[in-house]
Amino acid sequence: MLHTALSATHMVDISLRDPGGGEMIKVRLQGTKEDMEWLEKQLSECPQIKISQRSETFSNKGTNKYFRKYLEINKSEEK
């Protein structure tokens, strides 16, 4: 199964091995509800990151298939 939520996510550099930059990144997910849930689960299982905030799921105009959601991701304190 192709997970379009991953490909529909804005291409954002979330390289957490880089010591520079800030501690938080905002990400907009866009895709089917199932694909966004899949991606959010993958992100939440990554020990290097912590999802600090999740928005509700919003409808996109002109389609009943694709939705959007916003996440705030922080670098995890775990090593």
N, C-alpha and C. Protein backbone atom coordinates (compact mmCIF):
# COMPACT_ATOMS: atom_id res chain seq x y z
N MET A 1 0.84 -1.18 0.00
CA MET A 1 0.00 0.00 0.00
C MET A 1 0.88 1.25 0.00
N LEU A 2 0.63 2.16 -0.89
CA LEU A 2 1.37 3.41 -0.97
C LEU A 2 0.82 4.40 0.05
N HIS A 3 1.67 4.96 0.89
CA HIS A 3 1.25 5.89 1.93
C HIS A 3 1.46 7.31 1.44
N THR A 4 0.39 7.92 0.94
CA THR A 4 0.49 9.24 0.34
C THR A 4 0.66 10.35 1.36
N ALA A 5 0.34 10.12 2.63
CA ALA A 5 0.52 11.17 3.63
C ALA A 5 1.98 11.56 3.72
N LEU A 6 2.86 10.58 3.59
CA LEU A 6 4.29 10.88 3.64
C LEU A 6 4.70 11.73 2.45
N SER A 7 4.24 11.39 1.27
CA SER A 7 4.63 12.17 0.09
C SER A 7 3.89 13.50 0.04
N ALA A 8 2.74 13.60 0.70
CA ALA A 8 1.98 14.85 0.68
C ALA A 8 2.43 15.83 1.75
N THR A 9 3.24 15.36 2.68
CA THR A 9 3.76 16.25 3.70
C THR A 9 4.67 17.26 3.04
N HIS A 10 4.59 18.49 3.47
CA HIS A 10 5.50 19.49 2.93
C HIS A 10 6.92 18.98 3.15
N MET A 11 7.74 19.13 2.14
CA MET A 11 9.11 18.65 2.24
C MET A 11 9.88 19.57 3.19
N VAL A 12 10.02 19.10 4.41
CA VAL A 12 10.66 19.88 5.46
C VAL A 12 11.84 19.07 5.98
N ASP A 13 12.96 19.74 6.17
CA ASP A 13 14.15 19.05 6.68
C ASP A 13 13.97 18.84 8.17
N ILE A 14 13.71 17.60 8.57
CA ILE A 14 13.58 17.29 10.00
C ILE A 14 14.76 16.43 10.44
N SER A 15 15.92 16.71 9.86
CA SER A 15 17.12 15.99 10.23
C SER A 15 17.48 16.34 11.67
N LEU A 16 17.23 15.42 12.57
CA LEU A 16 17.40 15.70 13.99
C LEU A 16 18.83 15.43 14.46
N ARG A 17 19.67 14.92 13.57
CA ARG A 17 21.06 14.72 13.94
C ARG A 17 21.85 16.02 13.85
N ASP A 18 21.31 16.99 13.14
CA ASP A 18 21.97 18.29 12.98
C ASP A 18 21.82 19.09 14.25
N PRO A 19 22.91 19.45 14.92
CA PRO A 19 22.81 20.17 16.18
C PRO A 19 22.36 21.62 16.03
N GLY A 20 22.39 22.17 14.83
CA GLY A 20 22.02 23.56 14.62
C GLY A 20 20.51 23.72 14.50
N GLY A 21 20.09 24.96 14.42
CA GLY A 21 18.67 25.23 14.21
C GLY A 21 17.89 25.22 15.50
N GLY A 22 16.57 25.30 15.34
CA GLY A 22 15.68 25.36 16.49
C GLY A 22 15.35 24.00 17.05
N GLU A 23 14.50 24.02 18.02
CA GLU A 23 14.10 22.78 18.69
C GLU A 23 12.73 22.29 18.23
N MET A 24 12.00 23.10 17.44
CA MET A 24 10.64 22.75 17.06
C MET A 24 10.43 23.01 15.58
N ILE A 25 9.60 22.17 14.97
CA ILE A 25 9.23 22.35 13.57
C ILE A 25 7.73 22.12 13.45
N LYS A 26 7.07 22.91 12.62
CA LYS A 26 5.64 22.75 12.35
C LYS A 26 5.49 22.05 11.01
N VAL A 27 4.61 21.05 10.97
CA VAL A 27 4.43 20.24 9.78
C VAL A 27 2.95 20.21 9.43
N ARG A 28 2.65 20.38 8.15
CA ARG A 28 1.28 20.23 7.67
C ARG A 28 1.20 18.90 6.93
N LEU A 29 0.29 18.05 7.37
CA LEU A 29 0.03 16.79 6.68
C LEU A 29 -1.17 16.99 5.78
N GLN A 30 -1.13 16.34 4.61
CA GLN A 30 -2.28 16.39 3.72
C GLN A 30 -2.38 15.05 3.03
N GLY A 31 -3.55 14.45 3.08
CA GLY A 31 -3.76 13.16 2.46
C GLY A 31 -5.06 12.56 2.97
N THR A 32 -5.21 11.25 2.80
CA THR A 32 -6.40 10.59 3.34
C THR A 32 -6.25 10.51 4.85
N LYS A 33 -7.36 10.35 5.55
CA LYS A 33 -7.30 10.24 7.01
C LYS A 33 -6.45 9.05 7.42
N GLU A 34 -6.59 7.94 6.70
CA GLU A 34 -5.84 6.72 7.02
C GLU A 34 -4.34 6.93 6.85
N ASP A 35 -3.95 7.59 5.76
CA ASP A 35 -2.53 7.82 5.51
C ASP A 35 -1.92 8.78 6.52
N MET A 36 -2.69 9.81 6.91
CA MET A 36 -2.17 10.74 7.91
C MET A 36 -2.04 10.05 9.26
N GLU A 37 -2.99 9.18 9.61
CA GLU A 37 -2.89 8.41 10.86
C GLU A 37 -1.67 7.51 10.83
N TRP A 38 -1.41 6.88 9.67
CA TRP A 38 -0.24 6.01 9.52
C TRP A 38 1.04 6.82 9.77
N LEU A 39 1.17 7.98 9.13
CA LEU A 39 2.37 8.78 9.26
C LEU A 39 2.53 9.29 10.69
N GLU A 40 1.45 9.73 11.30
CA GLU A 40 1.53 10.21 12.68
C GLU A 40 1.98 9.10 13.62
N LYS A 41 1.52 7.88 13.38
CA LYS A 41 1.95 6.73 14.20
C LYS A 41 3.45 6.48 13.99
N GLN A 42 3.93 6.53 12.75
CA GLN A 42 5.35 6.34 12.47
C GLN A 42 6.19 7.39 13.18
N LEU A 43 5.76 8.64 13.12
CA LEU A 43 6.49 9.73 13.77
C LEU A 43 6.49 9.56 15.29
N SER A 44 5.35 9.15 15.85
CA SER A 44 5.27 9.02 17.31
C SER A 44 6.13 7.87 17.83
N GLU A 45 6.44 6.90 16.98
CA GLU A 45 7.28 5.77 17.39
C GLU A 45 8.77 6.05 17.21
N CYS A 46 9.12 7.17 16.60
CA CYS A 46 10.52 7.54 16.39
C CYS A 46 11.07 8.09 17.70
N PRO A 47 12.11 7.47 18.27
CA PRO A 47 12.61 7.91 19.58
C PRO A 47 13.30 9.27 19.55
N GLN A 48 13.65 9.78 18.37
CA GLN A 48 14.36 11.05 18.28
C GLN A 48 13.43 12.26 18.28
N ILE A 49 12.13 12.03 18.13
CA ILE A 49 11.21 13.16 18.06
C ILE A 49 10.04 12.98 19.02
N LYS A 50 9.42 14.10 19.34
CA LYS A 50 8.23 14.10 20.20
C LYS A 50 7.20 15.01 19.54
N ILE A 51 6.00 14.50 19.31
CA ILE A 51 4.93 15.33 18.78
C ILE A 51 4.32 16.06 19.96
N SER A 52 4.51 17.39 20.00
CA SER A 52 4.06 18.17 21.15
C SER A 52 2.63 18.67 20.98
N GLN A 53 2.18 18.88 19.75
CA GLN A 53 0.81 19.32 19.52
C GLN A 53 0.27 18.70 18.25
N ARG A 54 -1.03 18.41 18.27
CA ARG A 54 -1.74 17.86 17.11
C ARG A 54 -3.00 18.69 16.92
N SER A 55 -3.29 19.05 15.70
CA SER A 55 -4.53 19.75 15.44
C SER A 55 -5.64 18.74 15.17
N GLU A 56 -6.84 19.23 15.07
CA GLU A 56 -7.92 18.38 14.60
C GLU A 56 -7.71 18.15 13.10
N THR A 57 -8.47 17.26 12.51
CA THR A 57 -8.40 17.00 11.08
C THR A 57 -9.38 17.93 10.38
N PHE A 58 -8.90 18.63 9.35
CA PHE A 58 -9.72 19.58 8.62
C PHE A 58 -10.04 19.04 7.23
N SER A 59 -11.22 19.37 6.72
CA SER A 59 -11.60 19.01 5.35
C SER A 59 -10.93 19.96 4.37
N ASN A 60 -10.60 19.45 3.20
CA ASN A 60 -10.10 20.28 2.11
C ASN A 60 -11.27 20.63 1.20
N LYS A 61 -11.31 21.84 0.72
CA LYS A 61 -12.38 22.25 -0.20
C LYS A 61 -12.26 21.48 -1.50
N GLY A 62 -13.40 21.09 -2.03
CA GLY A 62 -13.45 20.45 -3.33
C GLY A 62 -13.17 18.96 -3.35
N THR A 63 -12.96 18.34 -2.18
CA THR A 63 -12.71 16.90 -2.15
C THR A 63 -13.24 16.31 -0.86
N ASN A 64 -13.74 15.10 -0.96
CA ASN A 64 -14.16 14.35 0.23
C ASN A 64 -13.13 13.30 0.60
N LYS A 65 -12.05 13.21 -0.18
CA LYS A 65 -11.04 12.17 0.02
C LYS A 65 -9.84 12.66 0.82
N TYR A 66 -9.41 13.90 0.60
CA TYR A 66 -8.19 14.40 1.21
C TYR A 66 -8.48 15.43 2.30
N PHE A 67 -7.69 15.33 3.35
CA PHE A 67 -7.84 16.18 4.53
C PHE A 67 -6.48 16.75 4.89
N ARG A 68 -6.44 17.62 5.89
CA ARG A 68 -5.18 18.17 6.37
C ARG A 68 -5.17 18.22 7.88
N LYS A 69 -3.97 18.22 8.42
CA LYS A 69 -3.76 18.22 9.86
C LYS A 69 -2.40 18.85 10.11
N TYR A 70 -2.23 19.46 11.28
CA TYR A 70 -0.98 20.14 11.61
C TYR A 70 -0.36 19.51 12.86
N LEU A 71 0.96 19.37 12.84
CA LEU A 71 1.70 18.82 13.97
C LEU A 71 2.82 19.78 14.35
N GLU A 72 3.12 19.83 15.64
CA GLU A 72 4.34 20.48 16.11
C GLU A 72 5.24 19.38 16.63
N ILE A 73 6.46 19.33 16.10
CA ILE A 73 7.40 18.26 16.43
C ILE A 73 8.61 18.89 17.12
N ASN A 74 9.00 18.28 18.23
CA ASN A 74 10.18 18.73 18.97
C ASN A 74 11.23 17.63 18.97
N LYS A 75 12.49 18.03 19.13
CA LYS A 75 13.56 17.07 19.32
C LYS A 75 13.34 16.42 20.69
N SER A 76 13.46 15.12 20.72
CA SER A 76 13.27 14.39 21.96
C SER A 76 14.51 14.53 22.84
N GLU A 77 14.29 14.48 24.15
CA GLU A 77 15.40 14.52 25.10
C GLU A 77 16.09 13.16 25.18
N GLU A 78 15.40 12.10 24.70
CA GLU A 78 15.97 10.75 24.71
C GLU A 78 17.15 10.67 23.76
N LYS A 79 18.14 9.90 24.13
CA LYS A 79 19.30 9.67 23.27
C LYS A 79 19.37 8.22 22.88
